[in-house]
Structures are given as structure tokens and as C-alpha cells.
Amino acid sequence: MMLAGHAFRGPLPAAMYKKRKLTFMGAAQTFGRFARVPFPDIMGSLFNLDVLNLGYAGAGASFYLRKPALLQYASNSELTVVQVMSGRSAENSMFASPDGRNTLVRRADGKQMTDAPAYRWVLEEKGPQVALELVRETQKRWVEETIELASKIETRKILFWFSVRPVEFTPTAESLKTLMGDFPHFVSREMIEEVTPHFDAFVECTSRRGLPQQLRDRFDNSLVEVNFAGAKRSFNTYYPSPEMHLDAAIALEHPMRKILTAER
């Protein structure tokens, strides 16, 4: 479905312009890459409500902040679930993020690069101390953007952690991996604690059940290969597996039910 100039998973909910729906915001994990039934659809079935899945690959808070129409749809919902998104899309003094996603533009020369090459360049060319200072700046900006996003969603809302790693994270400069961490990159427990008061609840789901996931054709269930990051792959090792989407639904069910059945 097309909304605000972007293609989202769909289908367009019957209650698109009514309050009786659930809205989900987040990155590819919420979109449900490599999942026939992503967790937003499971929650819609559980609560017998239409679902608006606004998950978008690489999205950060600023992706939504720049699209008032999406914020309006989210506000006109019974409940909006906001996935904890990566800090790699947050802007800082060295990099701009033109579309609020993980494609960055180096301010010094206008060079466009994705997040990993950008932070590898900082680590290798500017050194560990500068890299760590930039991460701290980026973390601060992530907190500001997430709080602003919460303020723009004028309905009940849940902040949802969905990752293969626990929330605890301390960046170090030994390597790009230790600098960024796993998705959601850069995000730590301290950052979550800063933004949680701006939501009605915080829910954690840490799981890697079902990974690696064999990729199969959705029509005949045969094994397939896909082109991903410049290589052919027959296994998904990064995005949530179908089993992980079930774990997400299990984690969300009680907190969502509690909010949906409470008096406004």
C-alpha cells in the first residue's frame, strides 16, 4: 500500500480512517521481512482489530517525524506500538540523515554512504576517541528524536524492544561491531530508561529462536536463494524468523490487552 509517498506492507485496513485499529511503527522487523505473518498481523487477529503496519526498512524516529500524515494515522488508533529503532539513522555533527533512514550524508563533502561504511570511516580515519564521542552525540540525538516521536503520537502507545540482543549495551572502539552493537545499533538501557516515561508501557522481546531460517518459496514451499547485500543467500540470519514473530506476539499480548481494556 502507498502512504505518504512510500510503499508499506499492507493491506490497507478497512478501518484506515477510524479509531478501531492498531498501528505499528518500526523498521524491517516490524514490516516482517521473510515472515509470512509478522507480529502486527498476529496482534490484529488476537484482538480482532484492523492493523496498519507502517514498518519500513532502515527507518528511525526521524523518518516518521518528517511525515505528518503517518503521525496522524498513528494518533487515530486505539493503540500504537513503536519498535525501538536503530540509532544509526540519527543525525550528528558529521552525518546528516536526509530521509531518516540508514543512508547518511557526510557533512564535510556531501558523500553519501550507508551506516557501516560511515562509522568504519570515522573509526579508522578519525580514531577511537572521536568515534566514541560521535556515538555519544548520536545516542543523545536518538533520545531526543524518540521523545519527540512519542509526543507526536496522540494516543496510547507502547515502546517495543525486539532484538536478538539484550537491552544492555556499552559501545567500545575495538571494532565496528563493538562500536555499533547489534540492532538496534547504539541503543542502551540508559537510553531506553530516558524515553520510557513518554510511553504507556515498555515491552521487551529478546529472541533468536528459528535463526538461521531457511528461505522458502511462499507458493510451493521450495528452498530458494535471494539476492541480499550483494550475495546470494538461502538462509536468513539477520531478520526475525517466524518463530521470533510468535515470541514478539507472546510478549506483547498482555501489555496490549491491559491498555486496550483500560478506561481512557
C-alpha atoms as a PDB file:
ATOM      1  CA  MET A   1       0.000   0.000   0.000  1.00  0.00           C
ATOM      2  CA  MET A   2       1.183   3.544  -0.732  1.00  0.00           C
ATOM      3  CA  LEU A   3       1.109   6.154   2.015  1.00  0.00           C
ATOM      4  CA  ALA A   4       2.987   9.464   2.243  1.00  0.00           C
ATOM      5  CA  GLY A   5       4.890   8.550  -0.932  1.00  0.00           C
ATOM      6  CA  HIS A   6       6.215   5.231   0.406  1.00  0.00           C
ATOM      7  CA  ALA A   7       5.224   1.599  -0.102  1.00  0.00           C
ATOM      8  CA  PHE A   8       4.264  -0.198   3.112  1.00  0.00           C
ATOM      9  CA  ARG A   9       3.398  -3.838   3.603  1.00  0.00           C
ATOM     10  CA  GLY A  10      -0.374  -3.537   3.614  1.00  0.00           C
ATOM     11  CA  PRO A  11      -3.094  -4.457   3.106  1.00  0.00           C
ATOM     12  CA  LEU A  12      -4.852  -1.149   3.615  1.00  0.00           C
ATOM     13  CA  PRO A  13      -7.029  -1.685   6.694  1.00  0.00           C
ATOM     14  CA  ALA A  14     -10.787  -1.265   6.371  1.00  0.00           C
ATOM     15  CA  ALA A  15     -10.663   0.981   9.457  1.00  0.00           C
ATOM     16  CA  MET A  16      -7.869   3.098   7.993  1.00  0.00           C
ATOM     17  CA  TYR A  17      -9.558   6.375   8.909  1.00  0.00           C
ATOM     18  CA  LYS A  18     -11.257   5.139  12.069  1.00  0.00           C
ATOM     19  CA  LYS A  19     -10.025   4.749  15.618  1.00  0.00           C
ATOM     20  CA  ARG A  20     -10.703   1.000  15.791  1.00  0.00           C
ATOM     21  CA  LYS A  21      -7.319  -0.157  14.585  1.00  0.00           C
ATOM     22  CA  LEU A  22      -3.816  -0.967  15.810  1.00  0.00           C
ATOM     23  CA  THR A  23      -0.849   0.859  14.299  1.00  0.00           C
ATOM     24  CA  PHE A  24       2.729  -0.412  14.318  1.00  0.00           C
ATOM     25  CA  MET A  25       5.804   1.704  13.589  1.00  0.00           C
ATOM     26  CA  GLY A  26       9.333   0.402  13.212  1.00  0.00           C
ATOM     27  CA  ALA A  27      11.945  -0.907  10.838  1.00  0.00           C
ATOM     28  CA  ALA A  28      12.165  -4.113   8.768  1.00  0.00           C
ATOM     29  CA  GLN A  29      11.498  -6.218  11.870  1.00  0.00           C
ATOM     30  CA  THR A  30       8.028  -4.660  12.162  1.00  0.00           C
ATOM     31  CA  PHE A  31       7.491  -4.798   8.394  1.00  0.00           C
ATOM     32  CA  GLY A  32       8.176  -8.526   8.659  1.00  0.00           C
ATOM     33  CA  ARG A  33      10.867  -9.279   6.116  1.00  0.00           C
ATOM     34  CA  PHE A  34      10.999 -13.035   5.426  1.00  0.00           C
ATOM     35  CA  ALA A  35       7.892 -13.555   7.579  1.00  0.00           C
ATOM     36  CA  ARG A  36       4.570 -14.615   6.073  1.00  0.00           C
ATOM     37  CA  VAL A  37       2.717 -13.498   9.216  1.00  0.00           C
ATOM     38  CA  PRO A  38       4.558 -10.689  11.071  1.00  0.00           C
ATOM     39  CA  PHE A  39       3.741  -9.921  14.678  1.00  0.00           C
ATOM     40  CA  PRO A  40       1.469  -6.924  13.842  1.00  0.00           C
ATOM     41  CA  ASP A  41      -0.852  -9.278  11.938  1.00  0.00           C
ATOM     42  CA  ILE A  42      -0.836 -11.737  14.840  1.00  0.00           C
ATOM     43  CA  MET A  43      -1.867  -8.983  17.248  1.00  0.00           C
ATOM     44  CA  GLY A  44      -4.652  -7.862  14.932  1.00  0.00           C
ATOM     45  CA  SER A  45      -6.050 -11.398  14.905  1.00  0.00           C
ATOM     46  CA  LEU A  46      -5.761 -11.715  18.690  1.00  0.00           C
ATOM     47  CA  PHE A  47      -7.694  -8.506  19.333  1.00  0.00           C
ATOM     48  CA  ASN A  48      -9.984  -8.649  16.287  1.00  0.00           C
ATOM     49  CA  LEU A  49      -8.820  -5.236  15.154  1.00  0.00           C
ATOM     50  CA  ASP A  50      -7.602  -3.907  11.822  1.00  0.00           C
ATOM     51  CA  VAL A  51      -3.847  -3.381  11.580  1.00  0.00           C
ATOM     52  CA  LEU A  52      -1.885  -0.568   9.977  1.00  0.00           C
ATOM     53  CA  ASN A  53       1.692  -1.811   9.575  1.00  0.00           C
ATOM     54  CA  LEU A  54       3.922   1.208   8.987  1.00  0.00           C
ATOM     55  CA  GLY A  55       7.161  -0.745   9.385  1.00  0.00           C
ATOM     56  CA  TYR A  56       9.785   0.472   6.893  1.00  0.00           C
ATOM     57  CA  ALA A  57      13.285  -0.852   6.242  1.00  0.00           C
ATOM     58  CA  GLY A  58      16.001   1.200   7.924  1.00  0.00           C
ATOM     59  CA  ALA A  59      13.542   3.636   9.491  1.00  0.00           C
ATOM     60  CA  GLY A  60      14.406   5.718  12.524  1.00  0.00           C
ATOM     61  CA  ALA A  61      12.247   8.088  14.543  1.00  0.00           C
ATOM     62  CA  SER A  62      13.003  10.988  12.199  1.00  0.00           C
ATOM     63  CA  PHE A  63      11.592   9.012   9.244  1.00  0.00           C
ATOM     64  CA  TYR A  64       8.168   9.330  10.876  1.00  0.00           C
ATOM     65  CA  LEU A  65       8.706  12.809  12.293  1.00  0.00           C
ATOM     66  CA  ARG A  66       9.077  14.094   8.739  1.00  0.00           C
ATOM     67  CA  LYS A  67       5.751  12.571   7.651  1.00  0.00           C
ATOM     68  CA  PRO A  68       2.823  14.263   9.435  1.00  0.00           C
ATOM     69  CA  ALA A  69       0.294  12.053   7.624  1.00  0.00           C
ATOM     70  CA  LEU A  70       1.762   8.905   9.181  1.00  0.00           C
ATOM     71  CA  LEU A  71       1.735  10.510  12.618  1.00  0.00           C
ATOM     72  CA  GLN A  72      -1.917  11.382  12.109  1.00  0.00           C
ATOM     73  CA  TYR A  73      -2.786   7.780  11.180  1.00  0.00           C
ATOM     74  CA  ALA A  74      -0.926   6.526  14.249  1.00  0.00           C
ATOM     75  CA  SER A  75      -2.677   9.024  16.512  1.00  0.00           C
ATOM     76  CA  ASN A  76      -6.064   7.971  15.152  1.00  0.00           C
ATOM     77  CA  SER A  77      -5.691   4.421  16.527  1.00  0.00           C
ATOM     78  CA  GLU A  78      -6.693   2.568  19.642  1.00  0.00           C
ATOM     79  CA  LEU A  79      -3.032   1.844  20.320  1.00  0.00           C
ATOM     80  CA  THR A  80       0.273   2.384  18.524  1.00  0.00           C
ATOM     81  CA  VAL A  81       3.266   0.097  19.052  1.00  0.00           C
ATOM     82  CA  VAL A  82       6.609   1.764  18.332  1.00  0.00           C
ATOM     83  CA  GLN A  83       9.554  -0.554  17.820  1.00  0.00           C
ATOM     84  CA  VAL A  84      12.850   0.573  19.341  1.00  0.00           C
ATOM     85  CA  MET A  85      14.614   1.639  16.157  1.00  0.00           C
ATOM     86  CA  SER A  86      18.311   1.842  15.412  1.00  0.00           C
ATOM     87  CA  GLY A  87      20.398   4.837  16.376  1.00  0.00           C
ATOM     88  CA  ARG A  88      22.289   4.654  13.081  1.00  0.00           C
ATOM     89  CA  SER A  89      19.699   6.867  11.368  1.00  0.00           C
ATOM     90  CA  ALA A  90      20.027   9.677  13.934  1.00  0.00           C
ATOM     91  CA  GLU A  91      21.915  12.742  12.746  1.00  0.00           C
ATOM     92  CA  ASN A  92      25.065  14.140  14.330  1.00  0.00           C
ATOM     93  CA  SER A  93      27.763  16.745  13.654  1.00  0.00           C
ATOM     94  CA  MET A  94      29.451  14.582  10.993  1.00  0.00           C
ATOM     95  CA  PHE A  95      26.478  12.973   9.227  1.00  0.00           C
ATOM     96  CA  ALA A  96      23.059  14.093   8.054  1.00  0.00           C
ATOM     97  CA  SER A  97      20.223  11.618   7.535  1.00  0.00           C
ATOM     98  CA  PRO A  98      18.177  13.054   4.653  1.00  0.00           C
ATOM     99  CA  ASP A  99      15.311  10.554   4.823  1.00  0.00           C
ATOM    100  CA  GLY A 100      15.528   9.416   8.440  1.00  0.00           C
ATOM    101  CA  ARG A 101      16.895   6.020   7.463  1.00  0.00           C
ATOM    102  CA  ASN A 102      20.321   4.367   7.478  1.00  0.00           C
ATOM    103  CA  THR A 103      21.673   6.154   4.400  1.00  0.00           C
ATOM    104  CA  LEU A 104      23.850   9.001   5.665  1.00  0.00           C
ATOM    105  CA  VAL A 105      25.471  12.026   4.044  1.00  0.00           C
ATOM    106  CA  ARG A 106      28.879  13.168   5.257  1.00  0.00           C
ATOM    107  CA  ARG A 107      28.545  16.863   6.015  1.00  0.00           C
ATOM    108  CA  ALA A 108      32.163  17.696   5.124  1.00  0.00           C
ATOM    109  CA  ASP A 109      31.889  16.734   1.454  1.00  0.00           C
ATOM    110  CA  GLY A 110      28.335  15.579   0.774  1.00  0.00           C
ATOM    111  CA  LYS A 111      29.361  11.959   0.208  1.00  0.00           C
ATOM    112  CA  GLN A 112      26.508   9.509   0.623  1.00  0.00           C
ATOM    113  CA  MET A 113      27.187   6.261   2.461  1.00  0.00           C
ATOM    114  CA  THR A 114      25.336   3.652   4.439  1.00  0.00           C
ATOM    115  CA  ASP A 115      25.814   3.440   8.191  1.00  0.00           C
ATOM    116  CA  ALA A 116      28.501   0.732   8.445  1.00  0.00           C
ATOM    117  CA  PRO A 117      30.949   2.338   5.961  1.00  0.00           C
ATOM    118  CA  ALA A 118      30.264   5.737   7.545  1.00  0.00           C
ATOM    119  CA  TYR A 119      31.173   4.672  11.071  1.00  0.00           C
ATOM    120  CA  ARG A 120      34.041   2.498   9.855  1.00  0.00           C
ATOM    121  CA  TRP A 121      35.488   5.606   8.202  1.00  0.00           C
ATOM    122  CA  VAL A 122      35.187   7.542  11.475  1.00  0.00           C
ATOM    123  CA  LEU A 123      36.820   4.739  13.452  1.00  0.00           C
ATOM    124  CA  GLU A 124      39.700   4.258  11.006  1.00  0.00           C
ATOM    125  CA  GLU A 125      40.317   7.839   9.866  1.00  0.00           C
ATOM    126  CA  LYS A 126      39.392   9.888  12.930  1.00  0.00           C
ATOM    127  CA  GLY A 127      40.354   7.406  15.623  1.00  0.00           C
ATOM    128  CA  PRO A 128      38.679   5.602  18.544  1.00  0.00           C
ATOM    129  CA  GLN A 129      38.156   8.632  20.769  1.00  0.00           C
ATOM    130  CA  VAL A 130      36.421  10.664  18.072  1.00  0.00           C
ATOM    131  CA  ALA A 131      34.316   7.625  17.150  1.00  0.00           C
ATOM    132  CA  LEU A 132      33.136   7.177  20.737  1.00  0.00           C
ATOM    133  CA  GLU A 133      32.352  10.881  21.095  1.00  0.00           C
ATOM    134  CA  LEU A 134      30.310  10.730  17.874  1.00  0.00           C
ATOM    135  CA  VAL A 135      28.398   7.706  19.151  1.00  0.00           C
ATOM    136  CA  ARG A 136      27.569   9.532  22.400  1.00  0.00           C
ATOM    137  CA  GLU A 137      26.344  12.514  20.380  1.00  0.00           C
ATOM    138  CA  THR A 138      24.254  10.194  18.207  1.00  0.00           C
ATOM    139  CA  GLN A 139      22.795   8.445  21.254  1.00  0.00           C
ATOM    140  CA  LYS A 140      21.711  11.792  22.676  1.00  0.00           C
ATOM    141  CA  ARG A 141      20.057  12.710  19.399  1.00  0.00           C
ATOM    142  CA  TRP A 142      18.282   9.333  19.287  1.00  0.00           C
ATOM    143  CA  VAL A 143      16.789  10.018  22.721  1.00  0.00           C
ATOM    144  CA  GLU A 144      15.585  13.469  21.633  1.00  0.00           C
ATOM    145  CA  GLU A 145      14.003  12.110  18.436  1.00  0.00           C
ATOM    146  CA  THR A 146      12.296   9.215  20.191  1.00  0.00           C
ATOM    147  CA  ILE A 147      10.804  11.514  22.837  1.00  0.00           C
ATOM    148  CA  GLU A 148       9.604  13.857  20.101  1.00  0.00           C
ATOM    149  CA  LEU A 149       8.041  10.936  18.228  1.00  0.00           C
ATOM    150  CA  ALA A 150       6.209   9.849  21.382  1.00  0.00           C
ATOM    151  CA  SER A 151       4.840  13.389  21.819  1.00  0.00           C
ATOM    152  CA  LYS A 152       3.503  13.414  18.248  1.00  0.00           C
ATOM    153  CA  ILE A 153       1.586  10.140  18.614  1.00  0.00           C
ATOM    154  CA  GLU A 154      -1.553  11.345  20.355  1.00  0.00           C
ATOM    155  CA  THR A 155      -2.942   8.039  21.533  1.00  0.00           C
ATOM    156  CA  ARG A 156      -1.910   5.237  23.858  1.00  0.00           C
ATOM    157  CA  LYS A 157       1.447   3.802  22.873  1.00  0.00           C
ATOM    158  CA  ILE A 158       3.898   1.028  23.675  1.00  0.00           C
ATOM    159  CA  LEU A 159       7.657   1.126  23.146  1.00  0.00           C
ATOM    160  CA  PHE A 160       8.706  -2.315  21.945  1.00  0.00           C
ATOM    161  CA  TRP A 161      12.194  -3.840  22.123  1.00  0.00           C
ATOM    162  CA  PHE A 162      12.568  -6.609  19.500  1.00  0.00           C
ATOM    163  CA  SER A 163      16.119  -7.850  19.044  1.00  0.00           C
ATOM    164  CA  VAL A 164      18.471 -10.806  19.229  1.00  0.00           C
ATOM    165  CA  ARG A 165      20.438  -8.977  21.932  1.00  0.00           C
ATOM    166  CA  PRO A 166      19.564  -7.810  25.439  1.00  0.00           C
ATOM    167  CA  VAL A 167      18.971  -4.114  26.056  1.00  0.00           C
ATOM    168  CA  GLU A 168      22.255  -3.637  27.907  1.00  0.00           C
ATOM    169  CA  PHE A 169      24.944  -2.142  25.664  1.00  0.00           C
ATOM    170  CA  THR A 170      28.115  -0.115  26.159  1.00  0.00           C
ATOM    171  CA  PRO A 171      29.906   0.985  22.976  1.00  0.00           C
ATOM    172  CA  THR A 172      33.653   0.450  22.762  1.00  0.00           C
ATOM    173  CA  ALA A 173      36.091   1.269  19.964  1.00  0.00           C
ATOM    174  CA  GLU A 174      37.821  -2.099  19.499  1.00  0.00           C
ATOM    175  CA  SER A 175      35.943  -2.700  16.245  1.00  0.00           C
ATOM    176  CA  LEU A 176      32.967  -1.527  14.221  1.00  0.00           C
ATOM    177  CA  LYS A 177      30.926  -4.333  15.788  1.00  0.00           C
ATOM    178  CA  THR A 178      31.648  -3.238  19.369  1.00  0.00           C
ATOM    179  CA  LEU A 179      31.102   0.407  18.421  1.00  0.00           C
ATOM    180  CA  MET A 180      27.631  -0.123  16.921  1.00  0.00           C
ATOM    181  CA  GLY A 181      26.391  -3.335  18.518  1.00  0.00           C
ATOM    182  CA  ASP A 182      23.606  -5.453  17.046  1.00  0.00           C
ATOM    183  CA  PHE A 183      20.275  -3.935  16.032  1.00  0.00           C
ATOM    184  CA  PRO A 184      19.053  -1.546  17.336  1.00  0.00           C
ATOM    185  CA  HIS A 185      22.522  -0.082  16.905  1.00  0.00           C
ATOM    186  CA  PHE A 186      23.899   2.240  19.611  1.00  0.00           C
ATOM    187  CA  VAL A 187      20.827   1.863  21.850  1.00  0.00           C
ATOM    188  CA  SER A 188      21.495   1.154  25.535  1.00  0.00           C
ATOM    189  CA  ARG A 189      19.457   0.508  28.677  1.00  0.00           C
ATOM    190  CA  GLU A 190      20.149   4.057  29.855  1.00  0.00           C
ATOM    191  CA  MET A 191      18.660   5.460  26.646  1.00  0.00           C
ATOM    192  CA  ILE A 192      15.570   3.281  26.995  1.00  0.00           C
ATOM    193  CA  GLU A 193      15.107   4.474  30.578  1.00  0.00           C
ATOM    194  CA  GLU A 194      15.172   8.088  29.370  1.00  0.00           C
ATOM    195  CA  VAL A 195      12.425   7.605  26.783  1.00  0.00           C
ATOM    196  CA  THR A 196      10.178   5.040  28.523  1.00  0.00           C
ATOM    197  CA  PRO A 197       8.312   7.632  30.667  1.00  0.00           C
ATOM    198  CA  HIS A 198       6.938   9.103  27.442  1.00  0.00           C
ATOM    199  CA  PHE A 199       5.123   5.846  26.579  1.00  0.00           C
ATOM    200  CA  ASP A 200       2.334   3.970  28.332  1.00  0.00           C
ATOM    201  CA  ALA A 201       4.435   0.811  28.574  1.00  0.00           C
ATOM    202  CA  PHE A 202       7.756  -0.712  27.582  1.00  0.00           C
ATOM    203  CA  VAL A 203       7.870  -4.326  26.373  1.00  0.00           C
ATOM    204  CA  GLU A 204      10.987  -6.425  25.794  1.00  0.00           C
ATOM    205  CA  CYS A 205      11.343  -9.382  23.458  1.00  0.00           C
ATOM    206  CA  THR A 206      14.866 -10.747  23.098  1.00  0.00           C
ATOM    207  CA  SER A 207      14.927 -13.850  20.929  1.00  0.00           C
ATOM    208  CA  ARG A 208      16.856 -15.581  18.185  1.00  0.00           C
ATOM    209  CA  ARG A 209      14.611 -18.637  18.013  1.00  0.00           C
ATOM    210  CA  GLY A 210      14.419 -20.034  14.491  1.00  0.00           C
ATOM    211  CA  LEU A 211      17.649 -18.417  13.243  1.00  0.00           C
ATOM    212  CA  PRO A 212      19.186 -19.203  10.849  1.00  0.00           C
ATOM    213  CA  GLN A 213      15.966 -19.511   8.858  1.00  0.00           C
ATOM    214  CA  GLN A 214      15.828 -21.483   5.624  1.00  0.00           C
ATOM    215  CA  LEU A 215      14.218 -19.359   2.926  1.00  0.00           C
ATOM    216  CA  ARG A 216      11.327 -20.981   1.099  1.00  0.00           C
ATOM    217  CA  ASP A 217       9.028 -20.038  -1.755  1.00  0.00           C
ATOM    218  CA  ARG A 218       5.728 -18.757  -0.348  1.00  0.00           C
ATOM    219  CA  PHE A 219       3.722 -20.597  -3.010  1.00  0.00           C
ATOM    220  CA  ASP A 220       5.235 -24.106  -3.149  1.00  0.00           C
ATOM    221  CA  ASN A 221       7.497 -24.082  -0.050  1.00  0.00           C
ATOM    222  CA  SER A 222      10.582 -24.992  -2.099  1.00  0.00           C
ATOM    223  CA  LEU A 223      14.018 -23.789  -0.963  1.00  0.00           C
ATOM    224  CA  VAL A 224      15.062 -20.523  -2.617  1.00  0.00           C
ATOM    225  CA  GLU A 225      18.006 -18.159  -2.821  1.00  0.00           C
ATOM    226  CA  VAL A 226      17.641 -14.394  -2.589  1.00  0.00           C
ATOM    227  CA  ASN A 227      19.985 -11.575  -3.534  1.00  0.00           C
ATOM    228  CA  PHE A 228      20.868  -9.776  -0.327  1.00  0.00           C
ATOM    229  CA  ALA A 229      23.688  -7.298   0.300  1.00  0.00           C
ATOM    230  CA  GLY A 230      25.352  -8.259  -2.976  1.00  0.00           C
ATOM    231  CA  ALA A 231      25.352 -12.007  -2.379  1.00  0.00           C
ATOM    232  CA  LYS A 232      23.016 -14.944  -2.935  1.00  0.00           C
ATOM    233  CA  ARG A 233      21.708 -16.397   0.299  1.00  0.00           C
ATOM    234  CA  SER A 234      19.466 -19.335   1.126  1.00  0.00           C
ATOM    235  CA  PHE A 235      19.304 -18.557   4.861  1.00  0.00           C
ATOM    236  CA  ASN A 236      18.103 -15.534   6.804  1.00  0.00           C
ATOM    237  CA  THR A 237      20.492 -14.844   9.666  1.00  0.00           C
ATOM    238  CA  TYR A 238      19.559 -11.225  10.434  1.00  0.00           C
ATOM    239  CA  TYR A 239      15.822 -10.512  10.342  1.00  0.00           C
ATOM    240  CA  PRO A 240      13.350 -12.043  12.818  1.00  0.00           C
ATOM    241  CA  SER A 241      12.285 -15.573  11.969  1.00  0.00           C
ATOM    242  CA  PRO A 242       8.615 -16.658  12.057  1.00  0.00           C
ATOM    243  CA  GLU A 243       9.303 -18.145  15.495  1.00  0.00           C
ATOM    244  CA  MET A 244      10.637 -14.802  16.694  1.00  0.00           C
ATOM    245  CA  HIS A 245       7.473 -13.080  15.478  1.00  0.00           C
ATOM    246  CA  LEU A 246       5.491 -15.507  17.634  1.00  0.00           C
ATOM    247  CA  ASP A 247       7.726 -14.632  20.588  1.00  0.00           C
ATOM    248  CA  ALA A 248       7.052 -10.954  19.912  1.00  0.00           C
ATOM    249  CA  ALA A 249       3.303 -11.573  19.929  1.00  0.00           C
ATOM    250  CA  ILE A 250       3.521 -13.503  23.198  1.00  0.00           C
ATOM    251  CA  ALA A 251       5.486 -10.641  24.809  1.00  0.00           C
ATOM    252  CA  LEU A 252       3.031  -8.002  23.583  1.00  0.00           C
ATOM    253  CA  GLU A 253      -0.275  -9.726  24.277  1.00  0.00           C
ATOM    254  CA  HIS A 254      -0.720  -8.986  27.999  1.00  0.00           C
ATOM    255  CA  PRO A 255       0.550  -5.350  27.932  1.00  0.00           C
ATOM    256  CA  MET A 256      -1.581  -4.589  24.890  1.00  0.00           C
ATOM    257  CA  ARG A 257      -4.655  -6.240  26.405  1.00  0.00           C
ATOM    258  CA  LYS A 258      -4.172  -4.298  29.626  1.00  0.00           C
ATOM    259  CA  ILE A 259      -4.085  -0.979  27.765  1.00  0.00           C
ATOM    260  CA  LEU A 260      -6.897  -1.803  25.345  1.00  0.00           C
ATOM    261  CA  THR A 261      -9.276  -2.873  28.125  1.00  0.00           C
ATOM    262  CA  ALA A 262      -8.466   0.052  30.416  1.00  0.00           C
ATOM    263  CA  GLU A 263     -10.709   3.073  30.568  1.00  0.00           C
ATOM    264  CA  ARG A 264      -9.308   6.089  28.769  1.00  0.00           C
END
